[in-house]
């Protein structure tokens, strides 16, 4: 446990396979995978993507925030030691300001999709395996039926992975609202803050306890992207 200046008690999940999938841009959430692959190839990731990727890694995957900080340190061309590690501490809620303050909040990926990539142009640029997926499924391809997968020339579980079950998976596939999927986090989202201003009661408490740890690996050694992923990313840049 790394409690930080805020002495926050957050046990992290140690899952080497999850970390490997994340770093190869194959976690199964198109927005996150696209941002990781863009950074791997170009050394760049937009400010907004840096925020929602950090939120996803820390809150939803419950991986040690230092894993994300080390990944950004290794790949970003505009890396700055103070900005990088300071921002990751804030995202993890260990900076002393508490969850929901000072940059520590949940980014609901369904909200990010609607605001910044409703047609899937960004994810298709960096995830060529999704190029034939219809707009309605491009951010949640695992919801396609078998016939729809055949039509899109994409087999879920083989050509593109099923993502871990997290609140953003629920909101992206439309099986639950953000408020129901993450009641303790919802108040820190843009939509949640608007609802609070309108007088609606919204929880802004600390994040729920993480799921059980899988294995005891260190999780901090950065795996190299596999050759297939690297070639795929380079092809995306050529386009």
Protein backbone atom coordinates (compact mmCIF):
# COMPACT_ATOMS: atom_id res chain seq x y z
CA UNK A 1 0.00 0.00 0.00
CA UNK A 2 1.20 3.48 -0.86
CA UNK A 3 -0.84 5.85 1.28
CA UNK A 4 0.63 9.15 0.07
CA UNK A 5 0.45 12.53 1.86
CA UNK A 6 -3.26 11.99 2.45
CA UNK A 7 -2.54 8.64 4.17
CA UNK A 8 -5.26 7.03 2.07
CA UNK A 9 -5.82 3.34 2.71
CA UNK A 10 -6.38 1.92 -0.79
CA UNK A 11 -5.18 -1.65 -1.42
CA UNK A 12 -4.40 -2.08 -5.10
CA UNK A 13 -5.09 -5.05 -7.35
CA UNK A 14 -2.02 -6.96 -8.58
CA UNK A 15 -2.89 -8.57 -11.90
CA UNK A 16 -0.03 -8.95 -14.40
CA UNK A 17 -2.34 -10.06 -17.22
CA UNK A 18 -4.57 -7.02 -16.75
CA UNK A 19 -1.54 -4.72 -16.84
CA UNK A 20 -0.25 -6.41 -20.00
CA UNK A 21 -3.60 -5.98 -21.74
CA UNK A 22 -3.75 -2.36 -20.69
CA UNK A 23 -0.27 -1.54 -21.96
CA UNK A 24 -0.91 -3.25 -25.29
CA UNK A 25 -4.11 -1.28 -25.83
CA UNK A 26 -6.23 -4.40 -25.54
CA UNK A 27 -8.20 -3.87 -22.36
CA UNK A 28 -11.47 -3.99 -24.32
CA UNK A 29 -12.68 -0.40 -23.81
CA UNK A 30 -12.18 1.32 -27.19
CA UNK A 31 -11.62 4.87 -25.85
CA UNK A 32 -8.93 3.68 -23.44
CA UNK A 33 -7.29 1.33 -25.95
CA UNK A 34 -7.19 4.05 -28.62
CA UNK A 35 -5.55 6.53 -26.25
CA UNK A 36 -2.92 4.00 -25.16
CA UNK A 37 -2.10 2.99 -28.73
CA UNK A 38 -1.87 6.62 -29.82
CA UNK A 39 0.62 7.30 -27.02
CA UNK A 40 2.60 4.15 -27.80
CA UNK A 41 3.08 5.18 -31.44
CA UNK A 42 3.21 8.97 -31.32
CA UNK A 43 4.27 9.80 -27.76
CA UNK A 44 1.19 11.99 -27.45
CA UNK A 45 -2.11 11.74 -25.61
CA UNK A 46 -4.61 14.60 -25.29
CA UNK A 47 -5.12 16.19 -21.90
CA UNK A 48 -8.69 14.89 -21.72
CA UNK A 49 -7.60 11.35 -22.58
CA UNK A 50 -4.89 11.49 -19.91
CA UNK A 51 -7.58 12.26 -17.36
CA UNK A 52 -10.06 9.56 -18.33
CA UNK A 53 -7.32 6.95 -18.79
CA UNK A 54 -6.00 7.73 -15.29
CA UNK A 55 -9.53 7.53 -13.88
CA UNK A 56 -10.13 4.18 -15.56
CA UNK A 57 -6.83 2.69 -14.37
CA UNK A 58 -7.13 3.90 -10.78
CA UNK A 59 -10.84 3.70 -10.03
CA UNK A 60 -12.21 1.04 -12.34
CA UNK A 61 -9.30 -1.37 -12.77
CA UNK A 62 -8.01 -0.50 -9.28
CA UNK A 63 -4.40 -0.86 -10.38
CA UNK A 64 -1.62 0.87 -8.45
CA UNK A 65 -1.50 4.46 -9.74
CA UNK A 66 2.28 4.21 -10.10
CA UNK A 67 1.76 1.75 -12.97
CA UNK A 68 0.03 4.48 -14.96
CA UNK A 69 2.58 7.08 -13.93
CA UNK A 70 5.45 4.87 -15.10
CA UNK A 71 3.69 4.15 -18.40
CA UNK A 72 3.26 7.86 -19.10
CA UNK A 73 6.86 8.51 -18.04
CA UNK A 74 8.08 5.89 -20.51
CA UNK A 75 6.07 7.02 -23.54
CA UNK A 76 5.07 10.70 -23.44
CA UNK A 77 7.32 13.04 -25.42
CA UNK A 78 6.21 16.00 -23.28
CA UNK A 79 6.81 14.15 -20.02
CA UNK A 80 7.57 16.31 -17.00
CA UNK A 81 8.43 14.57 -13.74
CA UNK A 82 6.57 16.95 -11.42
CA UNK A 83 3.46 17.32 -13.57
CA UNK A 84 3.23 13.60 -14.28
CA UNK A 85 3.67 12.21 -10.79
CA UNK A 86 1.75 15.06 -9.17
CA UNK A 87 -1.23 14.61 -11.48
CA UNK A 88 -1.27 10.85 -10.98
CA UNK A 89 -1.24 11.35 -7.20
CA UNK A 90 -4.22 13.67 -7.52
CA UNK A 91 -6.06 11.23 -9.82
CA UNK A 92 -5.54 8.46 -7.27
CA UNK A 93 -6.80 10.63 -4.40
CA UNK A 94 -3.60 10.17 -2.39
CA UNK A 95 -2.41 13.79 -2.59
CA UNK A 96 -4.07 14.82 0.65
CA UNK A 97 -7.08 16.62 -0.83
CA UNK A 98 -9.35 13.58 -0.71
CA UNK A 99 -11.42 11.78 -3.34
CA UNK A 100 -13.55 14.09 -5.44
CA UNK A 101 -11.21 17.06 -4.86
CA UNK A 102 -8.17 18.45 -6.61
CA UNK A 103 -8.54 16.39 -9.79
CA UNK A 104 -9.55 13.11 -8.16
CA UNK A 105 -12.82 12.11 -9.78
CA UNK A 106 -14.53 9.51 -11.91
CA UNK A 107 -14.71 9.98 -15.67
CA UNK A 108 -17.76 8.08 -16.89
CA UNK A 109 -16.58 6.82 -20.29
CA UNK A 110 -20.10 6.87 -21.74
CA UNK A 111 -20.17 10.61 -21.03
CA UNK A 112 -16.72 11.01 -22.60
CA UNK A 113 -17.90 9.08 -25.66
CA UNK A 114 -20.96 11.29 -26.11
CA UNK A 115 -19.01 14.51 -25.73
CA UNK A 116 -15.86 13.75 -27.70
CA UNK A 117 -16.22 10.75 -30.02
CA UNK A 118 -19.90 10.07 -30.66
CA UNK A 119 -19.26 8.73 -34.18
CA UNK A 120 -16.22 6.65 -33.20
CA UNK A 121 -13.82 8.43 -35.54
CA UNK A 122 -11.04 8.54 -32.94
CA UNK A 123 -11.29 4.92 -31.88
CA UNK A 124 -11.46 3.69 -35.49
CA UNK A 125 -8.27 5.64 -36.29
CA UNK A 126 -6.28 3.77 -33.65
CA UNK A 127 -8.20 0.48 -33.53
CA UNK A 128 -8.32 -0.71 -37.16
CA UNK A 129 -9.97 -3.96 -36.07
CA UNK A 130 -13.12 -1.91 -35.40
CA UNK A 131 -13.26 -0.23 -38.81
CA UNK A 132 -16.33 -2.19 -39.97
CA UNK A 133 -18.21 -1.95 -36.66
CA UNK A 134 -21.38 0.19 -36.92
CA UNK A 135 -21.43 3.51 -35.06
CA UNK A 136 -23.94 2.23 -32.48
CA UNK A 137 -21.54 -0.52 -31.40
CA UNK A 138 -18.10 1.01 -31.94
CA UNK A 139 -17.71 1.99 -28.26
CA UNK A 140 -19.24 -1.26 -26.98
CA UNK A 141 -18.43 -3.91 -29.60
CA UNK A 142 -18.94 -6.76 -27.12
CA UNK A 143 -22.70 -6.07 -27.28
CA UNK A 144 -22.94 -7.17 -30.92
CA UNK A 145 -24.74 -10.41 -31.72
CA UNK A 146 -22.89 -13.22 -33.45
CA UNK A 147 -24.33 -12.24 -36.83
CA UNK A 148 -23.42 -8.59 -36.28
CA UNK A 149 -19.87 -9.62 -35.43
CA UNK A 150 -19.68 -11.60 -38.67
CA UNK A 151 -20.96 -8.60 -40.63
CA UNK A 152 -18.34 -6.38 -38.95
CA UNK A 153 -15.58 -8.94 -39.58
CA UNK A 154 -14.78 -8.91 -35.89
CA UNK A 155 -15.01 -11.78 -33.45
CA UNK A 156 -15.19 -10.62 -29.82
CA UNK A 157 -12.81 -12.59 -27.63
CA UNK A 158 -10.55 -13.31 -30.60
CA UNK A 159 -10.04 -10.14 -32.66
CA UNK A 160 -10.93 -7.76 -29.83
CA UNK A 161 -11.26 -8.55 -26.12
CA UNK A 162 -14.21 -8.36 -23.76
CA UNK A 163 -13.45 -5.67 -21.15
CA UNK A 164 -13.44 -6.26 -17.39
CA UNK A 165 -16.75 -5.62 -15.69
CA UNK A 166 -16.61 -2.02 -14.44
CA UNK A 167 -19.04 0.89 -14.11
CA UNK A 168 -17.99 2.34 -17.47
CA UNK A 169 -18.62 -0.99 -19.18
CA UNK A 170 -22.15 -0.86 -17.77
CA UNK A 171 -22.78 2.71 -18.95
CA UNK A 172 -21.19 2.18 -22.38
CA UNK A 173 -23.35 -0.84 -23.11
CA UNK A 174 -26.43 0.89 -21.72
CA UNK A 175 -27.30 -1.77 -19.16
CA UNK A 176 -27.35 0.73 -16.29
CA UNK A 177 -27.12 4.44 -15.51
CA UNK A 178 -23.97 6.13 -14.23
CA UNK A 179 -25.70 6.91 -10.96
CA UNK A 180 -26.67 3.28 -10.43
CA UNK A 181 -23.41 1.82 -11.72
CA UNK A 182 -21.20 3.99 -9.50
CA UNK A 183 -23.32 5.75 -6.85
CA UNK A 184 -20.28 6.72 -4.77
CA UNK A 185 -18.49 8.25 -7.75
CA UNK A 186 -21.32 9.77 -9.74
CA UNK A 187 -21.28 13.07 -7.87
CA UNK A 188 -17.74 13.79 -9.13
CA UNK A 189 -18.73 13.54 -12.81
CA UNK A 190 -19.76 16.49 -14.95
CA UNK A 191 -23.35 15.25 -15.12
CA UNK A 192 -23.39 14.57 -11.38
CA UNK A 193 -22.21 18.08 -10.58
CA UNK A 194 -24.93 19.55 -12.81
CA UNK A 195 -27.53 17.49 -10.96
CA UNK A 196 -26.19 18.76 -7.64
CA UNK A 197 -26.52 22.37 -8.80
CA UNK A 198 -30.10 21.58 -9.71
CA UNK A 199 -30.71 20.49 -6.14
CA UNK A 200 -30.63 16.74 -6.61
CA UNK A 201 -29.02 14.69 -3.85
CA UNK A 202 -25.91 12.97 -5.21
CA UNK A 203 -23.31 11.00 -3.26
CA UNK A 204 -19.69 12.13 -3.50
CA UNK A 205 -18.15 9.73 -1.02
CA UNK A 206 -14.97 7.69 -1.30
CA UNK A 207 -14.67 4.97 -3.94
CA UNK A 208 -15.94 1.49 -3.04
CA UNK A 209 -13.53 -1.16 -1.77
CA UNK A 210 -11.59 -2.79 -4.63
CA UNK A 211 -12.25 -6.29 -5.84
CA UNK A 212 -10.07 -9.10 -4.57
CA UNK A 213 -6.47 -9.11 -5.74
CA UNK A 214 -5.58 -11.68 -8.36
CA UNK A 215 -2.08 -12.98 -7.70
CA UNK A 216 0.78 -11.26 -5.92
CA UNK A 217 2.81 -9.93 -8.84
CA UNK A 218 4.56 -6.58 -8.48
CA UNK A 219 2.71 -5.17 -11.45
CA UNK A 220 5.21 -2.32 -11.85
CA UNK A 221 7.47 -3.79 -14.54
CA UNK A 222 6.26 -2.40 -17.81
CA UNK A 223 5.64 -5.17 -20.38
CA UNK A 224 6.60 -4.35 -23.94
CA UNK A 225 3.78 -4.14 -26.48
CA UNK A 226 3.53 -7.37 -28.46
CA UNK A 227 4.66 -7.35 -32.08
CA UNK A 228 1.13 -7.63 -33.47
CA UNK A 229 -0.02 -4.57 -31.53
CA UNK A 230 3.03 -2.55 -32.57
CA UNK A 231 2.52 -3.38 -36.25
CA UNK A 232 -1.17 -2.54 -35.99
CA UNK A 233 -0.42 0.84 -34.42
CA UNK A 234 2.18 1.69 -37.04
CA UNK A 235 -0.32 0.89 -39.78
CA UNK A 236 -2.80 3.28 -38.16
CA UNK A 237 -0.21 6.08 -38.28
CA UNK A 238 0.38 5.47 -42.00
CA UNK A 239 -3.30 6.04 -42.65
